[in-house]
Protein backbone atom coordinates (compact mmCIF):
# COMPACT_ATOMS: atom_id res chain seq x y z
CA UNK A 1 123.09 193.31 38.61
CA UNK A 2 123.26 194.38 42.25
CA UNK A 3 124.22 191.70 45.42
CA UNK A 4 121.05 192.59 47.09
CA UNK A 5 118.85 191.70 43.56
CA UNK A 6 121.20 188.22 43.00
CA UNK A 7 119.16 185.46 43.25
CA UNK A 8 120.56 182.74 45.87
CA UNK A 9 120.38 179.11 46.30
CA UNK A 10 119.81 177.18 49.82
CA UNK A 11 119.56 173.33 48.56
CA UNK A 12 117.32 172.90 45.92
CA UNK A 13 115.44 176.19 46.84
CA UNK A 14 116.36 179.61 44.93
CA UNK A 15 115.47 182.91 46.46
CA UNK A 16 114.71 185.47 43.72
CA UNK A 17 116.83 188.40 45.76
CA UNK A 18 118.67 188.37 48.92
CA UNK A 19 115.68 190.18 50.95
CA UNK A 20 113.98 188.35 53.99
CA UNK A 21 110.93 189.36 55.92
CA UNK A 22 111.69 188.96 59.04
CA UNK A 23 109.11 186.92 61.36
CA UNK A 24 107.17 189.67 62.96
CA UNK A 25 104.58 188.42 65.49
CA UNK A 26 101.13 190.03 65.40
CA UNK A 27 99.48 188.13 68.19
CA UNK A 28 96.40 187.89 66.07
CA UNK A 29 96.02 184.25 66.23
CA UNK A 30 92.84 182.35 68.05
CA UNK A 31 93.68 179.29 69.46
CA UNK A 32 97.06 179.11 67.46
CA UNK A 33 94.90 179.70 63.98
CA UNK A 34 96.20 182.12 61.31
CA UNK A 35 93.38 183.80 59.75
CA UNK A 36 92.76 187.02 56.93
CA UNK A 37 95.07 188.70 58.99
CA UNK A 38 98.48 186.74 58.45
CA UNK A 39 97.12 186.34 54.76
CA UNK A 40 97.06 190.02 54.30
CA UNK A 41 99.92 190.77 56.59
CA UNK A 42 102.33 188.31 54.77
CA UNK A 43 100.67 188.57 51.58
CA UNK A 44 101.80 192.36 51.06
CA UNK A 45 105.11 191.52 51.68
CA UNK A 46 105.44 188.80 48.56
CA UNK A 47 103.54 191.59 46.29
CA UNK A 48 106.64 194.29 47.39
CA UNK A 49 109.06 192.09 45.84
CA UNK A 50 110.65 190.26 49.04
CA UNK A 51 112.82 187.24 48.09
CA UNK A 52 111.76 185.34 51.33
CA UNK A 53 108.90 185.66 53.46
CA UNK A 54 108.65 184.18 56.96
CA UNK A 55 105.54 183.42 58.86
CA UNK A 56 105.87 185.19 62.84
CA UNK A 57 106.98 182.73 65.92
CA UNK A 58 104.96 179.55 65.63
CA UNK A 59 104.67 177.66 68.91
CA UNK A 60 105.04 174.05 68.60
CA UNK A 61 103.38 173.34 72.02
CA UNK A 62 100.30 175.00 73.18
CA UNK A 63 102.13 175.67 76.46
CA UNK A 64 104.96 176.66 74.20
CA UNK A 65 103.10 180.69 73.36
CA UNK A 66 104.01 183.80 74.21
CA UNK A 67 101.12 185.34 74.76
CA UNK A 68 97.20 183.97 73.78
CA UNK A 69 97.77 185.49 70.42
CA UNK A 70 100.61 183.54 68.98
CA UNK A 71 100.40 181.37 65.88
CA UNK A 72 101.10 177.05 66.42
CA UNK A 73 101.66 174.06 64.61
CA UNK A 74 100.53 171.86 67.54
CA UNK A 75 97.98 170.51 66.06
CA UNK A 76 97.10 168.85 62.63
CA UNK A 77 93.78 171.03 62.57
CA UNK A 78 96.48 174.17 62.06
CA UNK A 79 97.72 173.51 58.90
CA UNK A 80 94.75 174.49 56.91
CA UNK A 81 95.00 178.24 57.87
CA UNK A 82 98.55 178.29 57.12
CA UNK A 83 98.14 176.97 53.54
CA UNK A 84 96.46 178.96 51.72
CA UNK A 85 99.53 181.96 53.23
CA UNK A 86 102.21 179.98 51.85
CA UNK A 87 100.56 179.03 48.80
CA UNK A 88 99.78 182.73 47.95
CA UNK A 89 103.57 183.97 48.97
CA UNK A 90 104.77 181.36 46.75
CA UNK A 91 102.42 181.92 43.69
CA UNK A 92 103.49 185.43 44.13
CA UNK A 93 107.34 184.40 43.45
CA UNK A 94 108.78 184.63 47.11
CA UNK A 95 109.91 181.55 49.33
CA UNK A 96 107.35 181.17 52.13
CA UNK A 97 109.00 180.64 55.76
CA UNK A 98 108.10 180.16 59.19
CA UNK A 99 109.93 180.31 62.34
CA UNK A 100 109.11 177.32 65.17
CA UNK A 101 109.68 178.42 68.55
CA UNK A 102 108.91 177.37 72.44
CA UNK A 103 108.88 180.76 74.76
CA UNK A 104 110.31 178.62 77.46
CA UNK A 105 110.28 180.81 80.45
CA UNK A 106 108.97 184.04 78.53
CA UNK A 107 105.30 182.11 77.88
CA UNK A 108 102.47 183.49 79.45
CA UNK A 109 103.25 186.75 78.42
CA UNK A 110 100.72 189.94 77.87
CA UNK A 111 100.55 191.03 74.06
CA UNK A 112 103.15 194.02 73.88
CA UNK A 113 100.59 196.65 74.02
CA UNK A 114 99.04 195.01 77.01
CA UNK A 115 102.15 195.43 79.06
CA UNK A 116 104.72 192.92 77.97
CA UNK A 117 104.18 191.20 81.82
CA UNK A 118 102.79 188.24 82.58
CA UNK A 119 99.33 187.38 82.31
CA UNK A 120 97.49 188.57 85.31
CA UNK A 121 94.42 188.55 86.78
CA UNK A 122 92.96 191.56 84.38
CA UNK A 123 93.62 189.41 81.63
CA UNK A 124 91.46 187.25 83.13
CA UNK A 125 88.81 189.57 83.81
CA UNK A 126 89.45 191.93 80.76
CA UNK A 127 89.86 189.52 77.83
CA UNK A 128 89.11 186.01 79.46
CA UNK A 129 92.82 185.22 79.08
CA UNK A 130 94.09 182.62 81.74
CA UNK A 131 97.63 182.51 82.36
CA UNK A 132 99.54 179.35 82.28
CA UNK A 133 102.61 177.80 84.09
CA UNK A 134 106.29 178.07 82.09
CA UNK A 135 108.67 175.36 81.56
CA UNK A 136 112.78 176.14 81.42
CA UNK A 137 115.92 174.53 81.37
CA UNK A 138 116.54 176.01 84.89
CA UNK A 139 114.09 177.52 87.71
CA UNK A 140 115.15 181.27 87.10
CA UNK A 141 112.47 183.85 86.21
CA UNK A 142 112.71 185.95 82.66
CA UNK A 143 112.81 188.96 84.70
CA UNK A 144 112.13 190.36 88.01
CA UNK A 145 108.02 190.06 88.80
CA UNK A 146 107.71 187.19 86.46
CA UNK A 147 106.73 183.37 87.98
CA UNK A 148 109.24 180.88 88.57
CA UNK A 149 109.77 178.58 85.63
CA UNK A 150 109.34 174.81 86.15
CA UNK A 151 112.89 172.87 85.61
CA UNK A 152 112.52 170.90 82.69
CA UNK A 153 112.68 166.59 83.41
CA UNK A 154 113.99 164.56 81.03
CA UNK A 155 110.45 163.85 79.55
CA UNK A 156 109.53 167.43 79.32
CA UNK A 157 112.99 167.47 77.31
CA UNK A 158 112.36 164.79 74.83
CA UNK A 159 108.62 165.95 74.57
CA UNK A 160 109.73 168.90 73.47
CA UNK A 161 111.98 168.35 70.77
CA UNK A 162 109.56 165.61 69.07
CA UNK A 163 107.08 168.75 69.45
CA UNK A 164 109.44 171.20 67.04
CA UNK A 165 109.77 167.76 64.63
CA UNK A 166 106.13 167.33 64.62
CA UNK A 167 105.53 171.05 63.82
CA UNK A 168 108.17 170.54 61.14
CA UNK A 169 106.13 167.82 59.78
CA UNK A 170 103.07 170.50 59.75
CA UNK A 171 104.88 172.97 58.34
CA UNK A 172 105.96 170.91 54.93
CA UNK A 173 102.23 169.97 55.04
CA UNK A 174 101.26 173.75 55.19
CA UNK A 175 104.02 174.64 52.24
CA UNK A 176 106.32 175.98 53.50
CA UNK A 177 109.65 175.76 52.10
CA UNK A 178 112.40 176.84 55.10
CA UNK A 179 111.98 176.96 58.64
CA UNK A 180 113.96 179.00 60.57
CA UNK A 181 114.17 177.89 64.45
CA UNK A 182 113.67 180.46 66.70
CA UNK A 183 116.80 180.38 69.20
CA UNK A 184 117.49 183.54 70.06
CA UNK A 185 115.77 186.48 72.18
CA UNK A 186 115.38 184.70 75.41
CA UNK A 187 113.15 181.88 74.19
CA UNK A 188 113.79 178.14 75.09
CA UNK A 189 116.31 176.92 72.53
CA UNK A 190 118.19 180.25 73.62
CA UNK A 191 117.60 179.25 77.36
CA UNK A 192 119.43 176.22 76.91
CA UNK A 193 122.27 177.50 75.14
CA UNK A 194 123.58 180.87 77.46
CA UNK A 195 124.83 179.70 81.12
CA UNK A 196 122.97 182.64 82.11
CA UNK A 197 119.55 180.72 82.31
CA UNK A 198 120.62 177.34 82.44
CA UNK A 199 122.22 176.24 85.53
CA UNK A 200 121.98 172.73 85.08
CA UNK A 201 124.37 169.93 86.03
CA UNK A 202 123.25 167.10 83.92
CA UNK A 203 123.90 166.38 80.54
CA UNK A 204 121.75 169.51 79.13
CA UNK A 205 123.90 172.11 81.48
CA UNK A 206 127.28 173.23 82.10
CA UNK A 207 130.04 172.89 79.46
CA UNK A 208 129.37 174.49 76.32
CA UNK A 209 128.91 170.80 74.58
CA UNK A 210 126.08 170.10 77.08
CA UNK A 211 124.46 173.26 76.78
CA UNK A 212 123.92 172.99 72.50
CA UNK A 213 122.71 169.64 72.94
CA UNK A 214 119.40 170.52 73.35
CA UNK A 215 119.30 172.95 70.10
CA UNK A 216 121.26 170.44 68.44
CA UNK A 217 118.33 167.33 69.19
CA UNK A 218 116.30 170.33 67.76
CA UNK A 219 117.91 170.24 64.64
CA UNK A 220 117.89 166.35 63.94
CA UNK A 221 114.44 166.31 65.46
CA UNK A 222 113.35 168.76 62.70
CA UNK A 223 115.67 167.75 59.95
CA UNK A 224 114.17 164.26 60.35
CA UNK A 225 110.67 165.64 59.45
CA UNK A 226 112.00 168.55 56.83
CA UNK A 227 112.26 167.77 53.46
CA UNK A 228 115.69 167.06 51.99
CA UNK A 229 116.00 169.57 49.51
CA UNK A 230 114.60 172.52 51.77
CA UNK A 231 116.77 174.53 53.94
CA UNK A 232 116.77 174.67 57.66
CA UNK A 233 117.95 177.83 59.28
CA UNK A 234 118.51 179.14 63.17
CA UNK A 235 118.33 182.41 64.23
CA UNK A 236 120.59 182.78 66.95
CA UNK A 237 121.49 185.46 69.72
CA UNK A 238 125.41 185.55 68.97
CA UNK A 239 126.09 187.32 72.08
CA UNK A 240 124.08 187.99 75.28
CA UNK A 241 125.82 190.94 76.14
CA UNK A 242 126.34 190.01 79.54
CA UNK A 243 128.94 189.38 81.26
CA UNK A 244 129.16 185.56 81.87
CA UNK A 245 126.94 184.84 78.75
CA UNK A 246 127.13 183.77 75.97
CA UNK A 247 129.81 185.25 73.25
CA UNK A 248 130.60 185.56 69.69
CA UNK A 249 133.26 182.57 70.27
CA UNK A 250 130.38 180.34 71.60
CA UNK A 251 128.18 180.93 68.92
CA UNK A 252 130.68 180.03 66.41
CA UNK A 253 131.23 176.75 67.68
CA UNK A 254 127.18 176.07 67.76
CA UNK A 255 126.99 177.11 64.50
CA UNK A 256 129.51 174.91 63.30
CA UNK A 257 127.69 171.90 65.26
CA UNK A 258 124.57 172.84 63.70
CA UNK A 259 126.09 172.98 59.99
CA UNK A 260 126.86 169.08 60.85
CA UNK A 261 123.10 168.42 61.88
CA UNK A 262 121.72 169.67 58.36
CA UNK A 263 121.59 173.37 59.53
CA UNK A 264 121.77 175.47 56.29
CA UNK A 265 122.02 179.30 57.29
CA UNK A 266 122.31 181.27 60.83
CA UNK A 267 119.76 184.63 61.03
CA UNK A 268 122.39 186.82 63.37
CA UNK A 269 120.85 188.39 66.10
CA UNK A 270 121.73 189.49 69.93
CA UNK A 271 120.28 189.84 73.30
CA UNK A 272 117.14 188.93 75.07
CA UNK A 273 118.51 186.98 77.66
CA UNK A 274 118.66 188.90 80.88
CA UNK A 275 114.66 190.75 81.14
CA UNK A 276 113.49 193.57 80.15
CA UNK A 277 116.62 196.21 80.16
CA UNK A 278 118.96 196.53 77.71
CA UNK A 279 122.38 195.61 78.39
CA UNK A 280 125.15 198.30 78.94
CA UNK A 281 127.19 196.78 76.32
CA UNK A 282 124.82 196.80 73.35
CA UNK A 283 125.14 199.87 71.57
CA UNK A 284 122.72 200.40 68.68
CA UNK A 285 123.30 201.92 65.20
CA UNK A 286 122.23 200.92 61.68
CA UNK A 287 123.60 197.29 61.15
CA UNK A 288 124.88 196.91 64.28
CA UNK A 289 124.41 193.12 64.31
CA UNK A 290 125.96 192.68 60.74
CA UNK A 291 129.65 192.04 62.40
CA UNK A 292 128.09 188.94 64.00
CA UNK A 293 126.64 187.85 60.49
CA UNK A 294 130.44 188.62 58.88
CA UNK A 295 132.51 186.41 61.57
CA UNK A 296 129.85 183.23 61.89
CA UNK A 297 130.24 183.33 57.79
CA UNK A 298 134.14 183.41 57.89
CA UNK A 299 134.64 181.07 61.09
CA UNK A 300 131.75 178.80 60.67
CA UNK A 301 131.76 178.81 57.04
CA UNK A 302 127.86 178.75 57.18
CA UNK A 303 125.68 181.32 54.98
CA UNK A 304 124.28 184.14 57.16
CA UNK A 305 121.57 186.70 57.16
CA UNK A 306 122.21 190.21 58.66
CA UNK A 307 119.39 191.74 60.55
CA UNK A 308 118.57 194.90 63.02
CA UNK A 309 118.57 198.14 62.57
CA UNK A 310 118.25 197.60 58.46
CA UNK A 311 116.69 200.60 56.40
CA UNK A 312 119.15 202.05 53.72
CA UNK A 313 118.89 200.19 50.49
CA UNK A 314 122.82 201.48 49.85
CA UNK A 315 124.06 200.13 53.30
CA UNK A 316 122.28 196.83 52.82
CA UNK A 317 123.91 196.53 49.24
CA UNK A 318 127.20 196.84 50.56
CA UNK A 319 126.98 194.47 53.56
CA UNK A 320 126.36 192.16 50.70
CA UNK A 321 128.42 193.12 48.41
CA UNK A 322 131.24 193.20 50.94
CA UNK A 323 130.53 189.83 51.42
CA UNK A 324 129.18 190.07 54.87
CA UNK A 325 126.01 188.41 54.78
CA UNK A 326 124.44 185.79 52.31
CA UNK A 327 121.05 187.51 52.48
CA UNK A 328 119.53 190.63 54.66
CA UNK A 329 116.44 190.51 56.75
CA UNK A 330 114.31 193.91 57.34
CA UNK A 331 111.00 193.56 59.86
CA UNK A 332 109.80 197.36 60.94
CA UNK A 333 111.10 198.92 58.14
CA UNK A 334 108.88 196.44 55.97
CA UNK A 335 105.82 197.25 58.18
CA UNK A 336 106.30 201.07 57.03
CA UNK A 337 106.62 200.08 53.61
CA UNK A 338 105.58 196.57 52.43
CA UNK A 339 107.23 197.78 48.75
CA UNK A 340 110.64 198.32 50.20
CA UNK A 341 111.85 195.71 48.03
CA UNK A 342 110.74 197.22 44.92
CA UNK A 343 112.04 200.80 45.67
CA UNK A 344 114.98 199.35 46.77
CA UNK A 345 115.73 198.01 43.07
CA UNK A 346 114.42 201.38 41.52
CA UNK A 347 117.05 203.03 43.73
CA UNK A 348 119.91 200.71 42.91
CA UNK A 349 118.91 200.93 39.20
CA UNK A 350 118.06 197.38 38.85
CA UNK A 351 114.23 197.99 38.08
CA UNK A 352 113.34 200.05 35.15
CA UNK A 353 109.53 201.19 34.05
CA UNK A 354 108.45 199.19 37.42
CA UNK A 355 109.25 195.81 35.34
CA UNK A 356 109.24 194.24 38.91
CA UNK A 357 106.51 195.33 40.02
CA UNK A 358 103.55 192.84 40.06
CA UNK A 359 101.73 193.72 36.47
CA UNK A 360 98.65 194.42 38.21
CA UNK A 361 100.02 197.86 39.56
CA UNK A 362 103.50 197.75 38.19
CA UNK A 363 101.41 198.62 34.24
CA UNK A 364 99.82 201.68 35.97
CA UNK A 365 102.71 202.91 37.13
CA UNK A 366 104.68 202.93 34.18
CA UNK A 367 101.69 204.66 32.57
CA UNK A 368 101.49 207.48 35.19
CA UNK A 369 105.19 207.95 35.07
CA UNK A 370 105.47 208.33 31.60
CA UNK A 371 102.77 210.46 31.50
CA UNK A 372 104.47 213.03 33.98
CA UNK A 373 107.27 212.63 31.99
CA UNK A 374 105.33 213.90 29.01
CA UNK A 375 103.73 216.58 30.88
CA UNK A 376 106.92 217.71 32.57
CA UNK A 377 105.34 217.75 36.00
CA UNK A 378 108.52 215.38 37.22
């Protein structure tokens, strides 16, 4: 059995393999509600053989959306649209997961294909979509040309923390079995963690301990509303790639503290705090963030997920076989090939005669393969 297709257990949840579908925002929700697009988009990954299928970044507050098209779990009414999706993923043998987040100072943004800039008058005129105010740990814009966010008060902070817990309860009611907190890529939890975006002088800023307080209290709030047998993960930016920003040593400390609060796995990404330009320290190549997963796994003694520029089954297998991570996550490669896990199984010699495929497809593919071989075509 290959490492990639060895089952993996967190708490009482067992993933049939180590392949996760990374959260991929689709910007197709209507007022936070999922629809048929999300069912088909996520369902095809479950049919394609992934062990874990994450729904996209899902806002815990209406004003915590990144765009008008973001999914949401800020209202009990939103549970019903997500429940069939979680149920379908589960029935197809994958574990349904959901990523909960709050955009903070990155809120009120256009969809990427509309420009990845703040919502403005053009959006109001063309799409009937108004901007809304953003909040953040400190009144520092995300990038040049972005509005000044309002500095969060103590009441704001405690309200948002509670909103994460309330959204976790709704995720449970919808049938999801793992939650990932979006604490990376410049969104609100990351904004508290990074000294670049958090300039507070109270108990929520300054020292590393104070800056991680928001993340820890979010973990506590979620855990209080999430079944003990179900795992909780955090996606962290292991480094900001910027001078005076988060370094890997800081993230090890954060991961250790999160583990004490009941967090079971760290999804190891990086960057995203300092505007839209790629930092000069960031060199992108296949699996360039895997070293962070390896480092946190060893130093924080916590399960990790490797993510970022992964597409080669042999490379993914080596990452797992060498103990650099416990799971791997793919995103855009799966958009190109939703059956990547099944094709990887065949490449690595784990699947014969299309046995891992849903029988409705595998039986026909096996029959075709036999005929082609008999005819000597291939």
